[in-house]
Amino acid sequence: MLTIESNVNLKPFNTFGLEATAKDMVRLRDESELPELLRYISTYPGRVLFIGGGSNLLFTNDLDGLLVKVETKGIKLLDEDDDYAYVRAEAGEVWDDLVQYCIERGYGGIENLSLIPGTVGSSPIQNIGAYGVELKDSFFMLEAVSVRTGEIREFCKDECQFDYRYSIFKGELKGAYLILSVILRLSKKPVLNVSYGAIEEEIKRLNLPLNIKSISKAVISIRNNKLPDPKDLGSAGSFFKNPVLDANKFETMLAEYPDIRYFKAGEKYKLAAGWLIESCGFKGYRQGDAGVYSKQALVLVNYGHATGHQIKALADHIIASVHEKYGITLEPEVNIL
């Protein structure tokens, strides 16, 4: 039986720790509640927003509508062969709990994605990625339900249209489907990826053997050193995407700014957005309680009483400054509401 809550304070449900209110809220704890939920949504007169961990949201206003918090739980091994394990996780599972479940069983492919905040159901929406790995690299399929018709269908990798921090669920199907579960295909003979960032150096510093468990520990150590814990300092992790340039534009940039930080991405080049922001003088910058984290310029933070409007104003100021200096327009990775 669903319970509808009204005038809900959203501060506990967004990692920025912003004060906002939802007109109504319901928690989906089990798939058996789906029919009732969909019937309620079909007659609901306002906006409907689905969230998981609230780690990729910036509330700039109250939500004059219904917030559906997905809290379904469960992780299980569906199938395996000599090379791969197929693991299914419910949408409400904490992403890092799934990562650690797989690592403990020797299933490789998502260890570089350790400690990314949020839930499993949110992970395909923006094709989460870190340290040279993206969700799509281990993705097999997902199950989702049409909010309009109630039809449950499967989406394979190609149907999801994955790209850098993008999927069809951020494009033409935005808001049309609620993701119910994700199935990953993980390697039982992992190919280790330690080339990105300082993973290899961190493994050596920690004096660990080279395996997926060590990669996870190194990534967690690096993330803890450069990213704030939302329990102590509100944030949504990386606020901006890394700009992607074609070869011609990149060569022009490199000629003008030879010390620019970048990495190859297929035939294109990703510039380090954090470096661009820092080079414009924003690292550690603060406007009231809205600020740029002192250890990582890619992260915007709430020092206690910032509003969503104040954080967005700071983001807009950063975007304008980077564009003025480099002619590059940064895009937010965070969903601004």
C-alpha atoms as a PDB file:
ATOM      1  CA  MET A   1       0.000   0.000   0.000  1.00  0.00           C
ATOM      2  CA  LEU A   2       1.510   3.285  -1.123  1.00  0.00           C
ATOM      3  CA  THR A   3       1.687   6.140   1.338  1.00  0.00           C
ATOM      4  CA  ILE A   4       1.406   9.653  -0.071  1.00  0.00           C
ATOM      5  CA  GLU A   5       3.252  12.294   1.938  1.00  0.00           C
ATOM      6  CA  SER A   6       2.550  16.003   1.483  1.00  0.00           C
ATOM      7  CA  ASN A   7       4.682  19.148   1.847  1.00  0.00           C
ATOM      8  CA  VAL A   8       7.859  17.103   2.176  1.00  0.00           C
ATOM      9  CA  ASN A   9      11.169  18.758   3.064  1.00  0.00           C
ATOM     10  CA  LEU A  10      13.627  17.669   0.354  1.00  0.00           C
ATOM     11  CA  LYS A  11      16.829  18.537   2.209  1.00  0.00           C
ATOM     12  CA  PRO A  12      17.442  14.888   3.231  1.00  0.00           C
ATOM     13  CA  PHE A  13      16.821  13.746  -0.348  1.00  0.00           C
ATOM     14  CA  ASN A  14      19.455  15.786  -2.220  1.00  0.00           C
ATOM     15  CA  THR A  15      23.191  15.593  -1.575  1.00  0.00           C
ATOM     16  CA  PHE A  16      23.582  19.361  -1.975  1.00  0.00           C
ATOM     17  CA  GLY A  17      21.553  19.606   1.244  1.00  0.00           C
ATOM     18  CA  LEU A  18      19.331  22.286  -0.255  1.00  0.00           C
ATOM     19  CA  GLU A  19      16.110  23.421   1.330  1.00  0.00           C
ATOM     20  CA  ALA A  20      13.166  22.721  -0.970  1.00  0.00           C
ATOM     21  CA  THR A  21       9.677  21.291  -0.601  1.00  0.00           C
ATOM     22  CA  ALA A  22       7.799  18.737  -2.675  1.00  0.00           C
ATOM     23  CA  LYS A  23       4.035  19.121  -2.865  1.00  0.00           C
ATOM     24  CA  ASP A  24       3.682  15.312  -2.670  1.00  0.00           C
ATOM     25  CA  MET A  25       6.019  12.342  -2.310  1.00  0.00           C
ATOM     26  CA  VAL A  26       5.755   8.578  -2.491  1.00  0.00           C
ATOM     27  CA  ARG A  27       8.357   5.839  -1.969  1.00  0.00           C
ATOM     28  CA  LEU A  28       8.439   2.820  -4.274  1.00  0.00           C
ATOM     29  CA  ARG A  29       9.829  -0.004  -2.143  1.00  0.00           C
ATOM     30  CA  ASP A  30       8.705  -3.065  -4.106  1.00  0.00           C
ATOM     31  CA  GLU A  31       7.754  -3.770  -7.728  1.00  0.00           C
ATOM     32  CA  SER A  32       4.429  -5.160  -6.491  1.00  0.00           C
ATOM     33  CA  GLU A  33       3.474  -1.534  -5.766  1.00  0.00           C
ATOM     34  CA  LEU A  34       3.961  -0.524  -9.412  1.00  0.00           C
ATOM     35  CA  PRO A  35       0.348  -0.942 -10.591  1.00  0.00           C
ATOM     36  CA  GLU A  36      -0.915   1.234  -7.755  1.00  0.00           C
ATOM     37  CA  LEU A  37       1.807   3.811  -8.368  1.00  0.00           C
ATOM     38  CA  LEU A  38       1.106   4.008 -12.102  1.00  0.00           C
ATOM     39  CA  ARG A  39      -2.633   4.384 -11.484  1.00  0.00           C
ATOM     40  CA  TYR A  40      -1.907   7.238  -9.096  1.00  0.00           C
ATOM     41  CA  ILE A  41       0.459   8.914 -11.566  1.00  0.00           C
ATOM     42  CA  SER A  42      -2.070   8.583 -14.408  1.00  0.00           C
ATOM     43  CA  THR A  43      -4.497  10.853 -12.547  1.00  0.00           C
ATOM     44  CA  TYR A  44      -1.949  13.108 -10.854  1.00  0.00           C
ATOM     45  CA  PRO A  45      -2.503  16.713 -11.977  1.00  0.00           C
ATOM     46  CA  GLY A  46       1.097  17.979 -11.694  1.00  0.00           C
ATOM     47  CA  ARG A  47       4.694  17.177 -12.562  1.00  0.00           C
ATOM     48  CA  VAL A  48       6.169  13.797 -11.598  1.00  0.00           C
ATOM     49  CA  LEU A  49       9.877  13.449 -10.782  1.00  0.00           C
ATOM     50  CA  PHE A  50      11.652  10.136 -10.141  1.00  0.00           C
ATOM     51  CA  ILE A  51      14.783  10.132  -7.975  1.00  0.00           C
ATOM     52  CA  GLY A  52      17.201   7.635  -6.490  1.00  0.00           C
ATOM     53  CA  GLY A  53      19.895   8.943  -4.154  1.00  0.00           C
ATOM     54  CA  GLY A  54      19.410  12.603  -5.087  1.00  0.00           C
ATOM     55  CA  SER A  55      23.116  12.903  -5.891  1.00  0.00           C
ATOM     56  CA  ASN A  56      22.748  14.578  -9.274  1.00  0.00           C
ATOM     57  CA  LEU A  57      20.111  17.209  -8.530  1.00  0.00           C
ATOM     58  CA  LEU A  58      20.092  20.956  -7.995  1.00  0.00           C
ATOM     59  CA  PHE A  59      16.750  22.204  -6.708  1.00  0.00           C
ATOM     60  CA  THR A  60      16.368  25.887  -7.561  1.00  0.00           C
ATOM     61  CA  ASN A  61      12.674  25.910  -6.651  1.00  0.00           C
ATOM     62  CA  ASP A  62      10.150  23.900  -4.696  1.00  0.00           C
ATOM     63  CA  LEU A  63       8.700  20.929  -6.579  1.00  0.00           C
ATOM     64  CA  ASP A  64       5.075  21.697  -7.361  1.00  0.00           C
ATOM     65  CA  GLY A  65       4.330  18.079  -8.094  1.00  0.00           C
ATOM     66  CA  LEU A  66       4.991  14.477  -7.102  1.00  0.00           C
ATOM     67  CA  LEU A  67       8.404  13.139  -6.114  1.00  0.00           C
ATOM     68  CA  VAL A  68       8.739   9.366  -6.523  1.00  0.00           C
ATOM     69  CA  LYS A  69      11.697   8.009  -4.565  1.00  0.00           C
ATOM     70  CA  VAL A  70      12.753   4.594  -5.842  1.00  0.00           C
ATOM     71  CA  GLU A  71      13.891   2.336  -2.986  1.00  0.00           C
ATOM     72  CA  THR A  72      13.572  -1.173  -4.459  1.00  0.00           C
ATOM     73  CA  LYS A  73      16.350  -3.530  -3.316  1.00  0.00           C
ATOM     74  CA  GLY A  74      17.988  -6.743  -4.489  1.00  0.00           C
ATOM     75  CA  ILE A  75      21.167  -7.975  -6.183  1.00  0.00           C
ATOM     76  CA  LYS A  76      21.535 -11.453  -7.648  1.00  0.00           C
ATOM     77  CA  LEU A  77      23.613 -13.493 -10.074  1.00  0.00           C
ATOM     78  CA  LEU A  78      21.365 -14.306 -13.033  1.00  0.00           C
ATOM     79  CA  ASP A  79      23.706 -16.440 -15.114  1.00  0.00           C
ATOM     80  CA  GLU A  80      27.374 -17.153 -15.746  1.00  0.00           C
ATOM     81  CA  ASP A  81      29.722 -18.988 -18.066  1.00  0.00           C
ATOM     82  CA  ASP A  82      33.484 -19.442 -18.147  1.00  0.00           C
ATOM     83  CA  ASP A  83      34.068 -15.814 -19.092  1.00  0.00           C
ATOM     84  CA  TYR A  84      31.203 -13.686 -17.805  1.00  0.00           C
ATOM     85  CA  ALA A  85      28.815 -13.229 -14.900  1.00  0.00           C
ATOM     86  CA  TYR A  86      25.432 -11.582 -15.443  1.00  0.00           C
ATOM     87  CA  VAL A  87      24.336  -9.638 -12.370  1.00  0.00           C
ATOM     88  CA  ARG A  88      20.923  -8.036 -11.909  1.00  0.00           C
ATOM     89  CA  ALA A  89      20.369  -5.188  -9.452  1.00  0.00           C
ATOM     90  CA  GLU A  90      17.147  -3.419  -8.538  1.00  0.00           C
ATOM     91  CA  ALA A  91      16.918   0.291  -9.278  1.00  0.00           C
ATOM     92  CA  GLY A  92      16.951   1.403  -5.637  1.00  0.00           C
ATOM     93  CA  GLU A  93      20.201  -0.354  -4.736  1.00  0.00           C
ATOM     94  CA  VAL A  94      23.081   1.936  -3.796  1.00  0.00           C
ATOM     95  CA  TRP A  95      25.480   1.910  -6.757  1.00  0.00           C
ATOM     96  CA  ASP A  96      28.610   1.304  -4.705  1.00  0.00           C
ATOM     97  CA  ASP A  97      26.963  -1.624  -2.913  1.00  0.00           C
ATOM     98  CA  LEU A  98      26.609  -3.265  -6.323  1.00  0.00           C
ATOM     99  CA  VAL A  99      30.245  -2.474  -7.143  1.00  0.00           C
ATOM    100  CA  GLN A 100      31.455  -4.079  -3.929  1.00  0.00           C
ATOM    101  CA  TYR A 101      29.165  -7.109  -4.420  1.00  0.00           C
ATOM    102  CA  CYS A 102      30.808  -7.741  -7.799  1.00  0.00           C
ATOM    103  CA  ILE A 103      34.359  -7.140  -6.584  1.00  0.00           C
ATOM    104  CA  GLU A 104      33.971  -9.571  -3.690  1.00  0.00           C
ATOM    105  CA  ARG A 105      33.006 -12.272  -6.197  1.00  0.00           C
ATOM    106  CA  GLY A 106      35.811 -11.491  -8.624  1.00  0.00           C
ATOM    107  CA  TYR A 107      33.564  -9.990 -11.301  1.00  0.00           C
ATOM    108  CA  GLY A 108      35.461  -7.217 -13.067  1.00  0.00           C
ATOM    109  CA  GLY A 109      34.449  -4.205 -15.104  1.00  0.00           C
ATOM    110  CA  ILE A 110      33.012  -1.629 -12.704  1.00  0.00           C
ATOM    111  CA  GLU A 111      35.771  -1.397 -10.072  1.00  0.00           C
ATOM    112  CA  ASN A 112      36.878   1.978 -11.516  1.00  0.00           C
ATOM    113  CA  LEU A 113      33.360   3.240 -10.775  1.00  0.00           C
ATOM    114  CA  SER A 114      33.721   2.678  -7.028  1.00  0.00           C
ATOM    115  CA  LEU A 115      32.168   5.214  -4.657  1.00  0.00           C
ATOM    116  CA  ILE A 116      30.175   7.037  -7.334  1.00  0.00           C
ATOM    117  CA  PRO A 117      27.152   8.311  -5.404  1.00  0.00           C
ATOM    118  CA  GLY A 118      23.603   7.455  -6.354  1.00  0.00           C
ATOM    119  CA  THR A 119      21.545   4.397  -7.119  1.00  0.00           C
ATOM    120  CA  VAL A 120      21.613   1.674  -9.757  1.00  0.00           C
ATOM    121  CA  GLY A 121      18.491   2.922 -11.547  1.00  0.00           C
ATOM    122  CA  SER A 122      20.067   6.321 -12.155  1.00  0.00           C
ATOM    123  CA  SER A 123      23.347   4.912 -13.493  1.00  0.00           C
ATOM    124  CA  PRO A 124      22.257   4.264 -17.104  1.00  0.00           C
ATOM    125  CA  ILE A 125      20.423   7.570 -17.449  1.00  0.00           C
ATOM    126  CA  GLN A 126      23.628   9.550 -17.750  1.00  0.00           C
ATOM    127  CA  ASN A 127      25.955   6.613 -18.444  1.00  0.00           C
ATOM    128  CA  ILE A 128      28.005   7.210 -15.300  1.00  0.00           C
ATOM    129  CA  GLY A 129      31.755   7.121 -15.727  1.00  0.00           C
ATOM    130  CA  ALA A 130      35.055   7.668 -13.957  1.00  0.00           C
ATOM    131  CA  TYR A 131      38.743   6.855 -14.314  1.00  0.00           C
ATOM    132  CA  GLY A 132      38.581   5.703 -17.928  1.00  0.00           C
ATOM    133  CA  VAL A 133      35.471   3.499 -17.548  1.00  0.00           C
ATOM    134  CA  GLU A 134      31.784   4.052 -18.312  1.00  0.00           C
ATOM    135  CA  LEU A 135      28.707   2.073 -17.356  1.00  0.00           C
ATOM    136  CA  LYS A 136      28.119   1.123 -21.001  1.00  0.00           C
ATOM    137  CA  ASP A 137      31.353  -0.918 -20.956  1.00  0.00           C
ATOM    138  CA  SER A 138      29.707  -3.525 -18.693  1.00  0.00           C
ATOM    139  CA  PHE A 139      26.046  -2.889 -19.495  1.00  0.00           C
ATOM    140  CA  PHE A 140      23.939  -5.777 -20.809  1.00  0.00           C
ATOM    141  CA  MET A 141      20.322  -4.633 -20.545  1.00  0.00           C
ATOM    142  CA  LEU A 142      17.799  -2.906 -18.316  1.00  0.00           C
ATOM    143  CA  GLU A 143      14.134  -3.316 -17.512  1.00  0.00           C
ATOM    144  CA  ALA A 144      11.876  -0.271 -17.438  1.00  0.00           C
ATOM    145  CA  VAL A 145       8.185   0.476 -17.264  1.00  0.00           C
ATOM    146  CA  SER A 146       6.344   2.970 -19.430  1.00  0.00           C
ATOM    147  CA  VAL A 147       4.876   5.602 -17.145  1.00  0.00           C
ATOM    148  CA  ARG A 148       2.028   6.167 -19.611  1.00  0.00           C
ATOM    149  CA  THR A 149       1.022   2.590 -20.548  1.00  0.00           C
ATOM    150  CA  GLY A 150       2.426   0.461 -17.718  1.00  0.00           C
ATOM    151  CA  GLU A 151       4.166  -1.802 -20.238  1.00  0.00           C
ATOM    152  CA  ILE A 152       7.422  -3.309 -18.981  1.00  0.00           C
ATOM    153  CA  ARG A 153      10.097  -3.651 -21.624  1.00  0.00           C
ATOM    154  CA  GLU A 154      13.794  -4.424 -21.931  1.00  0.00           C
ATOM    155  CA  PHE A 155      16.368  -2.060 -23.393  1.00  0.00           C
ATOM    156  CA  CYS A 156      19.604  -3.527 -24.772  1.00  0.00           C
ATOM    157  CA  LYS A 157      22.802  -1.479 -25.004  1.00  0.00           C
ATOM    158  CA  ASP A 158      22.208  -0.163 -28.536  1.00  0.00           C
ATOM    159  CA  GLU A 159      18.665   0.920 -27.692  1.00  0.00           C
ATOM    160  CA  CYS A 160      19.968   3.022 -24.803  1.00  0.00           C
ATOM    161  CA  GLN A 161      22.016   5.198 -27.203  1.00  0.00           C
ATOM    162  CA  PHE A 162      24.824   5.633 -24.682  1.00  0.00           C
ATOM    163  CA  ASP A 163      27.252   8.497 -25.130  1.00  0.00           C
ATOM    164  CA  TYR A 164      29.352  10.663 -22.828  1.00  0.00           C
ATOM    165  CA  ARG A 165      27.055  11.331 -19.812  1.00  0.00           C
ATOM    166  CA  TYR A 166      24.072  10.636 -22.049  1.00  0.00           C
ATOM    167  CA  SER A 167      21.439   8.036 -22.843  1.00  0.00           C
ATOM    168  CA  ILE A 168      18.058   7.957 -24.562  1.00  0.00           C
ATOM    169  CA  PHE A 169      16.566   8.480 -21.082  1.00  0.00           C
ATOM    170  CA  LYS A 170      18.042  12.000 -21.051  1.00  0.00           C
ATOM    171  CA  GLY A 171      16.848  12.590 -24.612  1.00  0.00           C
ATOM    172  CA  GLU A 172      13.702  11.507 -26.426  1.00  0.00           C
ATOM    173  CA  LEU A 173      12.524   9.189 -23.624  1.00  0.00           C
ATOM    174  CA  LYS A 174      13.171  11.599 -20.758  1.00  0.00           C
ATOM    175  CA  GLY A 175      10.500  11.044 -18.126  1.00  0.00           C
ATOM    176  CA  ALA A 176       8.735   8.410 -20.238  1.00  0.00           C
ATOM    177  CA  TYR A 177      10.133   5.338 -18.494  1.00  0.00           C
ATOM    178  CA  LEU A 178      10.941   4.382 -14.937  1.00  0.00           C
ATOM    179  CA  ILE A 179      13.991   2.116 -14.792  1.00  0.00           C
ATOM    180  CA  LEU A 180      13.286  -0.942 -12.640  1.00  0.00           C
ATOM    181  CA  SER A 181      16.523  -2.931 -12.803  1.00  0.00           C
ATOM    182  CA  VAL A 182      19.886  -3.119 -14.556  1.00  0.00           C
ATOM    183  CA  ILE A 183      21.735  -6.223 -15.732  1.00  0.00           C
ATOM    184  CA  LEU A 184      25.512  -6.041 -16.116  1.00  0.00           C
ATOM    185  CA  ARG A 185      27.821  -8.421 -17.955  1.00  0.00           C
ATOM    186  CA  LEU A 186      31.000  -8.632 -15.891  1.00  0.00           C
ATOM    187  CA  SER A 187      34.263 -10.353 -16.693  1.00  0.00           C
ATOM    188  CA  LYS A 188      35.527 -13.326 -14.714  1.00  0.00           C
ATOM    189  CA  LYS A 189      38.914 -12.685 -16.338  1.00  0.00           C
ATOM    190  CA  PRO A 190      39.146  -8.921 -15.799  1.00  0.00           C
ATOM    191  CA  VAL A 191      41.282  -6.642 -17.925  1.00  0.00           C
ATOM    192  CA  LEU A 192      42.613  -4.089 -15.458  1.00  0.00           C
ATOM    193  CA  ASN A 193      42.391  -0.397 -16.306  1.00  0.00           C
ATOM    194  CA  VAL A 194      44.896   1.651 -14.315  1.00  0.00           C
ATOM    195  CA  SER A 195      46.002   4.097 -17.002  1.00  0.00           C
ATOM    196  CA  TYR A 196      43.666   6.932 -16.037  1.00  0.00           C
ATOM    197  CA  GLY A 197      44.565   9.454 -13.383  1.00  0.00           C
ATOM    198  CA  ALA A 198      46.694   8.332 -10.474  1.00  0.00           C
ATOM    199  CA  ILE A 199      45.274   4.827  -9.940  1.00  0.00           C
ATOM    200  CA  GLU A 200      48.533   2.975 -10.545  1.00  0.00           C
ATOM    201  CA  GLU A 201      50.498   5.356  -8.341  1.00  0.00           C
ATOM    202  CA  GLU A 202      47.896   5.083  -5.573  1.00  0.00           C
ATOM    203  CA  ILE A 203      48.031   1.279  -5.676  1.00  0.00           C
ATOM    204  CA  LYS A 204      51.800   1.459  -5.273  1.00  0.00           C
ATOM    205  CA  ARG A 205      51.486   3.993  -2.456  1.00  0.00           C
ATOM    206  CA  LEU A 206      49.049   1.720  -0.642  1.00  0.00           C
ATOM    207  CA  ASN A 207      51.389  -1.238  -1.300  1.00  0.00           C
ATOM    208  CA  LEU A 208      48.617  -3.366  -2.815  1.00  0.00           C
ATOM    209  CA  PRO A 209      48.742  -6.156  -5.400  1.00  0.00           C
ATOM    210  CA  LEU A 210      47.349  -5.327  -8.832  1.00  0.00           C
ATOM    211  CA  ASN A 211      43.766  -6.650  -8.977  1.00  0.00           C
ATOM    212  CA  ILE A 212      40.194  -5.362  -9.121  1.00  0.00           C
ATOM    213  CA  LYS A 213      39.934  -5.062  -5.340  1.00  0.00           C
ATOM    214  CA  SER A 214      43.084  -2.914  -5.246  1.00  0.00           C
ATOM    215  CA  ILE A 215      41.782  -0.710  -8.064  1.00  0.00           C
ATOM    216  CA  SER A 216      38.596  -0.152  -6.079  1.00  0.00           C
ATOM    217  CA  LYS A 217      40.548   0.722  -2.930  1.00  0.00           C
ATOM    218  CA  ALA A 218      42.764   3.119  -4.887  1.00  0.00           C
ATOM    219  CA  VAL A 219      39.783   4.832  -6.528  1.00  0.00           C
ATOM    220  CA  ILE A 220      38.036   5.178  -3.170  1.00  0.00           C
ATOM    221  CA  SER A 221      41.187   6.662  -1.638  1.00  0.00           C
ATOM    222  CA  ILE A 222      41.579   9.145  -4.496  1.00  0.00           C
ATOM    223  CA  ARG A 223      37.911  10.146  -4.401  1.00  0.00           C
ATOM    224  CA  ASN A 224      37.962  10.594  -0.622  1.00  0.00           C
ATOM    225  CA  ASN A 225      41.018  12.826  -0.914  1.00  0.00           C
ATOM    226  CA  LYS A 226      39.653  15.135  -3.591  1.00  0.00           C
ATOM    227  CA  LEU A 227      35.861  15.051  -3.176  1.00  0.00           C
ATOM    228  CA  PRO A 228      33.852  16.183  -0.149  1.00  0.00           C
ATOM    229  CA  ASP A 229      31.635  13.813   1.782  1.00  0.00           C
ATOM    230  CA  PRO A 230      28.070  15.144   1.281  1.00  0.00           C
ATOM    231  CA  LYS A 231      27.387  14.334   4.937  1.00  0.00           C
ATOM    232  CA  ASP A 232      29.923  17.035   5.844  1.00  0.00           C
ATOM    233  CA  LEU A 233      29.718  19.409   2.878  1.00  0.00           C
ATOM    234  CA  GLY A 234      26.823  19.440   0.430  1.00  0.00           C
ATOM    235  CA  SER A 235      27.699  18.761  -3.201  1.00  0.00           C
ATOM    236  CA  ALA A 236      26.679  16.729  -6.228  1.00  0.00           C
ATOM    237  CA  GLY A 237      30.168  15.568  -7.170  1.00  0.00           C
ATOM    238  CA  SER A 238      31.399  16.800 -10.542  1.00  0.00           C
ATOM    239  CA  PHE A 239      29.122  19.656 -11.529  1.00  0.00           C
ATOM    240  CA  PHE A 240      30.305  20.054 -15.136  1.00  0.00           C
ATOM    241  CA  LYS A 241      31.036  17.716 -18.019  1.00  0.00           C
ATOM    242  CA  ASN A 242      34.513  17.633 -19.545  1.00  0.00           C
ATOM    243  CA  PRO A 243      34.286  19.459 -22.906  1.00  0.00           C
ATOM    244  CA  VAL A 244      34.834  17.214 -25.924  1.00  0.00           C
ATOM    245  CA  LEU A 245      36.670  18.725 -28.914  1.00  0.00           C
ATOM    246  CA  ASP A 246      37.343  17.439 -32.394  1.00  0.00           C
ATOM    247  CA  ALA A 247      40.976  17.150 -33.502  1.00  0.00           C
ATOM    248  CA  ASN A 248      41.116  20.492 -35.335  1.00  0.00           C
ATOM    249  CA  LYS A 249      39.721  22.559 -32.487  1.00  0.00           C
ATOM    250  CA  PHE A 250      41.873  20.686 -29.997  1.00  0.00           C
ATOM    251  CA  GLU A 251      45.064  21.361 -31.956  1.00  0.00           C
ATOM    252  CA  THR A 252      44.189  25.056 -32.022  1.00  0.00           C
ATOM    253  CA  MET A 253      43.623  25.048 -28.265  1.00  0.00           C
ATOM    254  CA  LEU A 254      46.841  23.151 -27.574  1.00  0.00           C
ATOM    255  CA  ALA A 255      48.868  25.574 -29.676  1.00  0.00           C
ATOM    256  CA  GLU A 256      47.526  28.503 -27.678  1.00  0.00           C
ATOM    257  CA  TYR A 257      47.537  26.781 -24.276  1.00  0.00           C
ATOM    258  CA  PRO A 258      50.284  24.100 -24.322  1.00  0.00           C
ATOM    259  CA  ASP A 259      49.834  23.267 -20.627  1.00  0.00           C
ATOM    260  CA  ILE A 260      46.134  22.473 -20.949  1.00  0.00           C
ATOM    261  CA  ARG A 261      45.087  19.158 -19.400  1.00  0.00           C
ATOM    262  CA  TYR A 262      43.340  16.683 -21.652  1.00  0.00           C
ATOM    263  CA  PHE A 263      42.956  13.035 -22.553  1.00  0.00           C
ATOM    264  CA  LYS A 264      42.177  11.183 -25.770  1.00  0.00           C
ATOM    265  CA  ALA A 265      38.624   9.916 -26.275  1.00  0.00           C
ATOM    266  CA  GLY A 266      38.544   7.906 -29.476  1.00  0.00           C
ATOM    267  CA  GLU A 267      39.045  10.326 -32.348  1.00  0.00           C
ATOM    268  CA  LYS A 268      38.258  13.291 -30.096  1.00  0.00           C
ATOM    269  CA  TYR A 269      39.778  14.950 -27.053  1.00  0.00           C
ATOM    270  CA  LYS A 270      38.331  15.671 -23.631  1.00  0.00           C
ATOM    271  CA  LEU A 271      39.582  18.749 -21.842  1.00  0.00           C
ATOM    272  CA  ALA A 272      39.730  18.634 -18.044  1.00  0.00           C
ATOM    273  CA  ALA A 273      36.919  20.963 -17.011  1.00  0.00           C
ATOM    274  CA  GLY A 274      38.422  21.215 -13.532  1.00  0.00           C
ATOM    275  CA  TRP A 275      41.652  22.586 -15.021  1.00  0.00           C
ATOM    276  CA  LEU A 276      39.744  25.168 -17.087  1.00  0.00           C
ATOM    277  CA  ILE A 277      37.821  26.315 -14.008  1.00  0.00           C
ATOM    278  CA  GLU A 278      40.907  26.399 -11.802  1.00  0.00           C
ATOM    279  CA  SER A 279      42.869  28.362 -14.401  1.00  0.00           C
ATOM    280  CA  CYS A 280      40.154  31.018 -14.249  1.00  0.00           C
ATOM    281  CA  GLY A 281      40.820  31.415 -10.532  1.00  0.00           C
ATOM    282  CA  PHE A 282      37.795  29.636  -9.104  1.00  0.00           C
ATOM    283  CA  LYS A 283      39.365  26.852  -7.044  1.00  0.00           C
ATOM    284  CA  GLY A 284      38.341  27.579  -3.445  1.00  0.00           C
ATOM    285  CA  TYR A 285      36.221  30.538  -4.586  1.00  0.00           C
ATOM    286  CA  ARG A 286      33.187  31.358  -2.460  1.00  0.00           C
ATOM    287  CA  GLN A 287      30.109  33.554  -2.758  1.00  0.00           C
ATOM    288  CA  GLY A 288      28.326  33.421   0.586  1.00  0.00           C
ATOM    289  CA  ASP A 289      27.618  29.750   1.254  1.00  0.00           C
ATOM    290  CA  ALA A 290      27.936  28.735  -2.420  1.00  0.00           C
ATOM    291  CA  GLY A 291      31.463  27.803  -3.357  1.00  0.00           C
ATOM    292  CA  VAL A 292      33.975  25.843  -5.408  1.00  0.00           C
ATOM    293  CA  TYR A 293      35.655  23.052  -3.487  1.00  0.00           C
ATOM    294  CA  SER A 294      39.195  23.854  -2.403  1.00  0.00           C
ATOM    295  CA  LYS A 295      40.567  20.459  -3.498  1.00  0.00           C
ATOM    296  CA  GLN A 296      38.744  20.054  -6.831  1.00  0.00           C
ATOM    297  CA  ALA A 297      37.490  22.940  -8.952  1.00  0.00           C
ATOM    298  CA  LEU A 298      34.994  20.694 -10.758  1.00  0.00           C
ATOM    299  CA  VAL A 299      32.918  20.416  -7.574  1.00  0.00           C
ATOM    300  CA  LEU A 300      30.490  23.084  -6.390  1.00  0.00           C
ATOM    301  CA  VAL A 301      29.581  22.974  -2.723  1.00  0.00           C
ATOM    302  CA  ASN A 302      27.023  24.224  -0.235  1.00  0.00           C
ATOM    303  CA  TYR A 303      28.765  25.508   2.895  1.00  0.00           C
ATOM    304  CA  GLY A 304      25.543  25.314   4.868  1.00  0.00           C
ATOM    305  CA  HIS A 305      22.796  27.697   3.840  1.00  0.00           C
ATOM    306  CA  ALA A 306      23.222  28.260   0.114  1.00  0.00           C
ATOM    307  CA  THR A 307      20.103  28.199  -2.033  1.00  0.00           C
ATOM    308  CA  GLY A 308      19.811  26.416  -5.347  1.00  0.00           C
ATOM    309  CA  HIS A 309      19.587  29.814  -7.057  1.00  0.00           C
ATOM    310  CA  GLN A 310      22.891  30.878  -5.483  1.00  0.00           C
ATOM    311  CA  ILE A 311      24.673  27.713  -6.598  1.00  0.00           C
ATOM    312  CA  LYS A 312      23.249  28.078 -10.110  1.00  0.00           C
ATOM    313  CA  ALA A 313      24.357  31.725 -10.194  1.00  0.00           C
ATOM    314  CA  LEU A 314      27.885  30.603  -9.279  1.00  0.00           C
ATOM    315  CA  ALA A 315      27.765  27.930 -11.997  1.00  0.00           C
ATOM    316  CA  ASP A 316      26.635  30.519 -14.545  1.00  0.00           C
ATOM    317  CA  HIS A 317      29.478  32.831 -13.481  1.00  0.00           C
ATOM    318  CA  ILE A 318      31.988  30.006 -13.996  1.00  0.00           C
ATOM    319  CA  ILE A 319      30.517  29.129 -17.407  1.00  0.00           C
ATOM    320  CA  ALA A 320      30.748  32.765 -18.538  1.00  0.00           C
ATOM    321  CA  SER A 321      34.343  33.141 -17.300  1.00  0.00           C
ATOM    322  CA  VAL A 322      35.579  29.941 -18.967  1.00  0.00           C
ATOM    323  CA  HIS A 323      33.858  30.924 -22.210  1.00  0.00           C
ATOM    324  CA  GLU A 324      35.358  34.402 -22.136  1.00  0.00           C
ATOM    325  CA  LYS A 325      38.879  33.049 -21.630  1.00  0.00           C
ATOM    326  CA  TYR A 326      38.832  29.904 -23.775  1.00  0.00           C
ATOM    327  CA  GLY A 327      35.806  30.175 -26.075  1.00  0.00           C
ATOM    328  CA  ILE A 328      34.478  26.915 -24.597  1.00  0.00           C
ATOM    329  CA  THR A 329      31.022  26.581 -23.051  1.00  0.00           C
ATOM    330  CA  LEU A 330      30.903  24.223 -20.085  1.00  0.00           C
ATOM    331  CA  GLU A 331      27.771  22.079 -19.717  1.00  0.00           C
ATOM    332  CA  PRO A 332      26.381  21.086 -16.318  1.00  0.00           C
ATOM    333  CA  GLU A 333      26.377  17.388 -15.556  1.00  0.00           C
ATOM    334  CA  VAL A 334      23.899  17.986 -12.742  1.00  0.00           C
ATOM    335  CA  ASN A 335      20.149  18.011 -13.396  1.00  0.00           C
ATOM    336  CA  ILE A 336      18.999  21.565 -12.591  1.00  0.00           C
ATOM    337  CA  LEU A 337      15.345  21.772 -11.540  1.00  0.00           C
END
